[in-house]
Amino acid sequence: MDLTENRNGSVVTLGASGRIDHQTADAFQQALDPYLGDCKEGGDKLVLDFSGVNYVSSVGLRVLLMASKKTKAQKGQICVAGMQPTVGEVFRISRFDTILPAYDTVDDAVAAFSG
């Protein structure tokens, strides 16, 4: 899975698309890992743009959980933004919105990290 990168100062937005499930979760994690190393105190802040993601399985949620744990251990900041309604519903039902901050839009997330 390829992630599109957009940098605005220390805020890096990574755009994902399609499904994040048992077939794509490993590729998503491998694409995300290089950015997680820089997501630490005084480093980059990551916004995961999920506006193009139409499905996230439990395996995909696990990748997000591990990314959240890693960045928190490094005192970094990571969030998800722009989720489609079905993905947002999975996030809320699984209570992932208590683990990983979620914003309606990428602009909202960037503003929260920039402020």
N, C-alpha and C. Protein backbone atom coordinates (compact mmCIF):
# COMPACT_ATOMS: atom_id res chain seq x y z
N MET A 1 0.85 -1.18 0.00
CA MET A 1 0.00 0.00 0.00
C MET A 1 0.89 1.23 0.00
N ASP A 2 0.57 2.15 -0.87
CA ASP A 2 1.30 3.41 -0.93
C ASP A 2 0.57 4.47 -0.12
N LEU A 3 1.35 5.31 0.54
CA LEU A 3 0.80 6.45 1.26
C LEU A 3 1.27 7.71 0.55
N THR A 4 0.36 8.65 0.35
CA THR A 4 0.75 9.93 -0.23
C THR A 4 1.12 10.87 0.91
N GLU A 5 2.24 11.55 0.75
CA GLU A 5 2.75 12.42 1.81
C GLU A 5 2.56 13.88 1.44
N ASN A 6 2.13 14.66 2.43
CA ASN A 6 2.03 16.11 2.29
C ASN A 6 2.57 16.70 3.59
N ARG A 7 3.58 17.54 3.48
CA ARG A 7 4.22 18.11 4.66
C ARG A 7 3.87 19.59 4.78
N ASN A 8 3.49 19.99 6.01
CA ASN A 8 3.20 21.38 6.33
C ASN A 8 3.96 21.69 7.62
N GLY A 9 5.21 22.12 7.49
CA GLY A 9 6.05 22.31 8.66
C GLY A 9 6.34 20.97 9.31
N SER A 10 6.02 20.84 10.58
CA SER A 10 6.27 19.58 11.29
C SER A 10 5.08 18.63 11.24
N VAL A 11 4.02 19.02 10.53
CA VAL A 11 2.84 18.16 10.41
C VAL A 11 2.90 17.43 9.07
N VAL A 12 2.92 16.11 9.15
CA VAL A 12 2.96 15.27 7.95
C VAL A 12 1.61 14.59 7.81
N THR A 13 0.97 14.81 6.66
CA THR A 13 -0.30 14.15 6.36
C THR A 13 -0.02 12.99 5.43
N LEU A 14 -0.48 11.81 5.82
CA LEU A 14 -0.31 10.61 5.01
C LEU A 14 -1.68 10.14 4.54
N GLY A 15 -1.87 10.12 3.24
CA GLY A 15 -3.13 9.70 2.66
C GLY A 15 -3.11 8.22 2.32
N ALA A 16 -4.11 7.50 2.78
CA ALA A 16 -4.27 6.08 2.46
C ALA A 16 -5.56 5.93 1.67
N SER A 17 -5.67 4.82 0.93
CA SER A 17 -6.90 4.60 0.18
C SER A 17 -7.19 3.11 0.07
N GLY A 18 -8.46 2.82 -0.19
CA GLY A 18 -8.90 1.44 -0.35
C GLY A 18 -9.25 0.79 0.97
N ARG A 19 -8.92 -0.49 1.06
CA ARG A 19 -9.25 -1.29 2.24
C ARG A 19 -7.99 -1.53 3.06
N ILE A 20 -8.16 -1.54 4.38
CA ILE A 20 -7.07 -1.96 5.27
C ILE A 20 -7.60 -3.19 5.99
N ASP A 21 -7.21 -4.35 5.47
CA ASP A 21 -7.70 -5.62 5.98
C ASP A 21 -6.57 -6.63 6.02
N HIS A 22 -6.90 -7.91 6.15
CA HIS A 22 -5.86 -8.94 6.27
C HIS A 22 -4.95 -9.00 5.05
N GLN A 23 -5.42 -8.57 3.89
CA GLN A 23 -4.60 -8.60 2.69
C GLN A 23 -3.68 -7.39 2.56
N THR A 24 -4.04 -6.28 3.16
CA THR A 24 -3.28 -5.04 2.97
C THR A 24 -2.65 -4.49 4.24
N ALA A 25 -2.98 -5.05 5.40
CA ALA A 25 -2.52 -4.48 6.67
C ALA A 25 -1.00 -4.50 6.79
N ASP A 26 -0.35 -5.58 6.36
CA ASP A 26 1.12 -5.62 6.44
C ASP A 26 1.76 -4.54 5.58
N ALA A 27 1.24 -4.36 4.38
CA ALA A 27 1.77 -3.33 3.49
C ALA A 27 1.52 -1.94 4.07
N PHE A 28 0.36 -1.74 4.69
CA PHE A 28 0.06 -0.46 5.33
C PHE A 28 1.04 -0.20 6.47
N GLN A 29 1.29 -1.22 7.29
CA GLN A 29 2.22 -1.06 8.40
C GLN A 29 3.63 -0.77 7.89
N GLN A 30 4.07 -1.46 6.86
CA GLN A 30 5.41 -1.23 6.31
C GLN A 30 5.53 0.18 5.73
N ALA A 31 4.48 0.67 5.11
CA ALA A 31 4.50 2.03 4.56
C ALA A 31 4.48 3.07 5.67
N LEU A 32 3.82 2.77 6.77
CA LEU A 32 3.68 3.70 7.89
C LEU A 32 4.92 3.75 8.78
N ASP A 33 5.58 2.62 8.96
CA ASP A 33 6.71 2.50 9.90
C ASP A 33 7.79 3.57 9.76
N PRO A 34 8.24 3.91 8.56
CA PRO A 34 9.30 4.93 8.48
C PRO A 34 8.89 6.28 9.07
N TYR A 35 7.62 6.60 8.99
CA TYR A 35 7.13 7.88 9.52
C TYR A 35 7.00 7.84 11.05
N LEU A 36 6.75 6.67 11.59
CA LEU A 36 6.57 6.56 13.04
C LEU A 36 7.85 6.86 13.80
N GLY A 37 8.99 6.53 13.21
CA GLY A 37 10.27 6.82 13.87
C GLY A 37 10.50 8.30 14.09
N ASP A 38 9.99 9.13 13.18
CA ASP A 38 10.15 10.58 13.30
C ASP A 38 9.02 11.23 14.09
N CYS A 39 8.02 10.45 14.45
CA CYS A 39 6.86 10.97 15.18
C CYS A 39 7.15 10.85 16.68
N LYS A 40 7.88 11.83 17.19
CA LYS A 40 8.31 11.81 18.58
C LYS A 40 8.31 13.22 19.13
N GLU A 41 8.58 13.36 20.42
CA GLU A 41 8.61 14.67 21.03
C GLU A 41 9.59 15.57 20.28
N GLY A 42 9.11 16.72 19.85
CA GLY A 42 9.94 17.64 19.09
C GLY A 42 10.10 17.27 17.62
N GLY A 43 9.47 16.17 17.20
CA GLY A 43 9.57 15.71 15.82
C GLY A 43 8.28 15.95 15.06
N ASP A 44 8.10 15.15 14.02
CA ASP A 44 6.91 15.27 13.18
C ASP A 44 5.65 14.85 13.93
N LYS A 45 4.54 15.44 13.51
CA LYS A 45 3.21 15.05 13.97
C LYS A 45 2.51 14.42 12.77
N LEU A 46 1.87 13.29 12.97
CA LEU A 46 1.27 12.55 11.86
C LEU A 46 -0.24 12.66 11.83
N VAL A 47 -0.76 13.01 10.66
CA VAL A 47 -2.19 12.99 10.40
C VAL A 47 -2.43 11.90 9.35
N LEU A 48 -3.19 10.90 9.71
CA LEU A 48 -3.54 9.84 8.76
C LEU A 48 -4.85 10.23 8.08
N ASP A 49 -4.75 10.58 6.81
CA ASP A 49 -5.92 10.99 6.03
C ASP A 49 -6.62 9.74 5.52
N PHE A 50 -7.75 9.42 6.13
CA PHE A 50 -8.50 8.23 5.78
C PHE A 50 -9.69 8.54 4.88
N SER A 51 -9.71 9.69 4.23
CA SER A 51 -10.84 10.04 3.37
C SER A 51 -10.98 9.07 2.20
N GLY A 52 -9.89 8.41 1.81
CA GLY A 52 -9.94 7.44 0.72
C GLY A 52 -10.07 6.00 1.18
N VAL A 53 -10.14 5.78 2.48
CA VAL A 53 -10.24 4.42 3.03
C VAL A 53 -11.71 4.08 3.21
N ASN A 54 -12.14 2.98 2.58
CA ASN A 54 -13.55 2.62 2.66
C ASN A 54 -13.84 1.42 3.56
N TYR A 55 -12.78 0.81 4.13
CA TYR A 55 -12.99 -0.33 5.02
C TYR A 55 -11.76 -0.53 5.88
N VAL A 56 -11.97 -0.78 7.17
CA VAL A 56 -10.88 -1.13 8.09
C VAL A 56 -11.34 -2.34 8.91
N SER A 57 -10.57 -3.42 8.83
CA SER A 57 -10.89 -4.62 9.61
C SER A 57 -10.19 -4.57 10.96
N SER A 58 -10.39 -5.60 11.76
CA SER A 58 -9.73 -5.67 13.06
C SER A 58 -8.21 -5.72 12.90
N VAL A 59 -7.73 -6.31 11.83
CA VAL A 59 -6.29 -6.34 11.58
C VAL A 59 -5.77 -4.93 11.29
N GLY A 60 -6.55 -4.15 10.56
CA GLY A 60 -6.19 -2.76 10.31
C GLY A 60 -6.21 -1.94 11.58
N LEU A 61 -7.19 -2.19 12.44
CA LEU A 61 -7.25 -1.49 13.72
C LEU A 61 -6.04 -1.83 14.58
N ARG A 62 -5.56 -3.06 14.49
CA ARG A 62 -4.37 -3.46 15.24
C ARG A 62 -3.16 -2.64 14.79
N VAL A 63 -3.01 -2.43 13.49
CA VAL A 63 -1.90 -1.62 12.98
C VAL A 63 -1.99 -0.21 13.57
N LEU A 64 -3.19 0.35 13.61
CA LEU A 64 -3.37 1.69 14.18
C LEU A 64 -3.07 1.70 15.68
N LEU A 65 -3.48 0.64 16.38
CA LEU A 65 -3.20 0.55 17.81
C LEU A 65 -1.69 0.53 18.06
N MET A 66 -0.97 -0.27 17.30
CA MET A 66 0.48 -0.36 17.47
C MET A 66 1.15 0.97 17.12
N ALA A 67 0.66 1.65 16.09
CA ALA A 67 1.21 2.96 15.73
C ALA A 67 0.97 3.97 16.84
N SER A 68 -0.21 3.93 17.43
CA SER A 68 -0.54 4.83 18.53
C SER A 68 0.36 4.56 19.73
N LYS A 69 0.54 3.30 20.08
CA LYS A 69 1.40 2.94 21.22
C LYS A 69 2.84 3.40 21.00
N LYS A 70 3.33 3.19 19.79
CA LYS A 70 4.72 3.59 19.50
C LYS A 70 4.88 5.10 19.61
N THR A 71 3.98 5.85 19.03
CA THR A 71 4.12 7.31 19.08
C THR A 71 3.94 7.83 20.49
N LYS A 72 3.02 7.26 21.25
CA LYS A 72 2.84 7.70 22.64
C LYS A 72 4.08 7.41 23.47
N ALA A 73 4.73 6.27 23.24
CA ALA A 73 5.95 5.93 23.96
C ALA A 73 7.07 6.92 23.65
N GLN A 74 7.04 7.49 22.45
CA GLN A 74 8.05 8.47 22.03
C GLN A 74 7.59 9.90 22.30
N LYS A 75 6.43 10.04 22.96
CA LYS A 75 5.82 11.34 23.23
C LYS A 75 5.48 12.10 21.94
N GLY A 76 5.14 11.32 20.90
CA GLY A 76 4.75 11.91 19.62
C GLY A 76 3.24 12.09 19.54
N GLN A 77 2.79 12.64 18.40
CA GLN A 77 1.37 12.88 18.19
C GLN A 77 0.95 12.30 16.85
N ILE A 78 -0.16 11.57 16.89
CA ILE A 78 -0.72 10.95 15.68
C ILE A 78 -2.24 10.99 15.79
N CYS A 79 -2.90 11.16 14.66
CA CYS A 79 -4.36 11.17 14.64
C CYS A 79 -4.86 10.67 13.29
N VAL A 80 -6.15 10.47 13.22
CA VAL A 80 -6.82 10.07 11.98
C VAL A 80 -7.80 11.17 11.62
N ALA A 81 -7.95 11.42 10.32
CA ALA A 81 -8.86 12.48 9.88
C ALA A 81 -9.60 12.06 8.62
N GLY A 82 -10.77 12.66 8.44
CA GLY A 82 -11.52 12.51 7.20
C GLY A 82 -12.11 11.14 6.95
N MET A 83 -12.44 10.42 8.00
CA MET A 83 -12.96 9.06 7.82
C MET A 83 -14.33 9.07 7.16
N GLN A 84 -14.53 8.12 6.25
CA GLN A 84 -15.84 7.92 5.66
C GLN A 84 -16.78 7.41 6.76
N PRO A 85 -18.09 7.60 6.60
CA PRO A 85 -19.03 7.23 7.66
C PRO A 85 -18.91 5.79 8.16
N THR A 86 -18.73 4.83 7.26
CA THR A 86 -18.65 3.44 7.70
C THR A 86 -17.39 3.18 8.51
N VAL A 87 -16.28 3.78 8.11
CA VAL A 87 -15.03 3.62 8.85
C VAL A 87 -15.13 4.34 10.19
N GLY A 88 -15.73 5.51 10.19
CA GLY A 88 -15.94 6.25 11.43
C GLY A 88 -16.80 5.48 12.42
N GLU A 89 -17.80 4.78 11.89
CA GLU A 89 -18.68 3.97 12.75
C GLU A 89 -17.89 2.83 13.40
N VAL A 90 -17.05 2.16 12.62
CA VAL A 90 -16.20 1.10 13.16
C VAL A 90 -15.30 1.67 14.26
N PHE A 91 -14.76 2.85 14.01
CA PHE A 91 -13.90 3.51 15.00
C PHE A 91 -14.65 3.76 16.30
N ARG A 92 -15.86 4.28 16.19
CA ARG A 92 -16.64 4.59 17.40
C ARG A 92 -17.10 3.33 18.13
N ILE A 93 -17.60 2.35 17.39
CA ILE A 93 -18.09 1.12 18.01
C ILE A 93 -16.96 0.39 18.73
N SER A 94 -15.79 0.37 18.14
CA SER A 94 -14.64 -0.31 18.75
C SER A 94 -13.95 0.55 19.79
N ARG A 95 -14.44 1.78 19.96
CA ARG A 95 -13.91 2.75 20.92
C ARG A 95 -12.48 3.19 20.60
N PHE A 96 -12.10 3.07 19.35
CA PHE A 96 -10.78 3.53 18.93
C PHE A 96 -10.66 5.05 19.01
N ASP A 97 -11.80 5.73 19.02
CA ASP A 97 -11.75 7.19 19.14
C ASP A 97 -11.26 7.61 20.53
N THR A 98 -11.18 6.66 21.47
CA THR A 98 -10.60 6.96 22.79
C THR A 98 -9.10 6.67 22.82
N ILE A 99 -8.62 5.96 21.81
CA ILE A 99 -7.20 5.59 21.72
C ILE A 99 -6.45 6.54 20.79
N LEU A 100 -7.08 6.88 19.69
CA LEU A 100 -6.46 7.67 18.64
C LEU A 100 -7.38 8.84 18.32
N PRO A 101 -6.91 10.07 18.48
CA PRO A 101 -7.78 11.21 18.17
C PRO A 101 -8.26 11.16 16.72
N ALA A 102 -9.51 11.53 16.51
CA ALA A 102 -10.10 11.54 15.18
C ALA A 102 -10.71 12.91 14.91
N TYR A 103 -10.47 13.42 13.71
CA TYR A 103 -10.98 14.73 13.30
C TYR A 103 -11.81 14.56 12.04
N ASP A 104 -12.79 15.44 11.88
CA ASP A 104 -13.67 15.37 10.71
C ASP A 104 -12.91 15.60 9.41
N THR A 105 -11.97 16.54 9.44
CA THR A 105 -11.22 16.88 8.22
C THR A 105 -9.73 16.93 8.51
N VAL A 106 -8.95 16.82 7.46
CA VAL A 106 -7.50 16.96 7.59
C VAL A 106 -7.16 18.37 8.07
N ASP A 107 -7.86 19.37 7.56
CA ASP A 107 -7.61 20.75 7.99
C ASP A 107 -7.82 20.91 9.49
N ASP A 108 -8.85 20.28 10.04
CA ASP A 108 -9.10 20.33 11.48
C ASP A 108 -7.93 19.70 12.25
N ALA A 109 -7.44 18.57 11.76
CA ALA A 109 -6.34 17.88 12.42
C ALA A 109 -5.06 18.70 12.37
N VAL A 110 -4.76 19.26 11.20
CA VAL A 110 -3.56 20.09 11.05
C VAL A 110 -3.65 21.30 11.96
N ALA A 111 -4.82 21.92 12.03
CA ALA A 111 -5.00 23.08 12.90
C ALA A 111 -4.80 22.70 14.37
N ALA A 112 -5.29 21.53 14.77
CA ALA A 112 -5.12 21.08 16.16
C ALA A 112 -3.65 20.85 16.49
N PHE A 113 -2.90 20.32 15.55
CA PHE A 113 -1.48 20.06 15.77
C PHE A 113 -0.65 21.33 15.66
N SER A 114 -1.13 22.29 14.90
CA SER A 114 -0.36 23.52 14.69
C SER A 114 -0.61 24.54 15.80
N GLY A 115 -1.72 24.41 16.50
CA GLY A 115 -2.12 25.40 17.49
C GLY A 115 -1.52 25.22 18.84
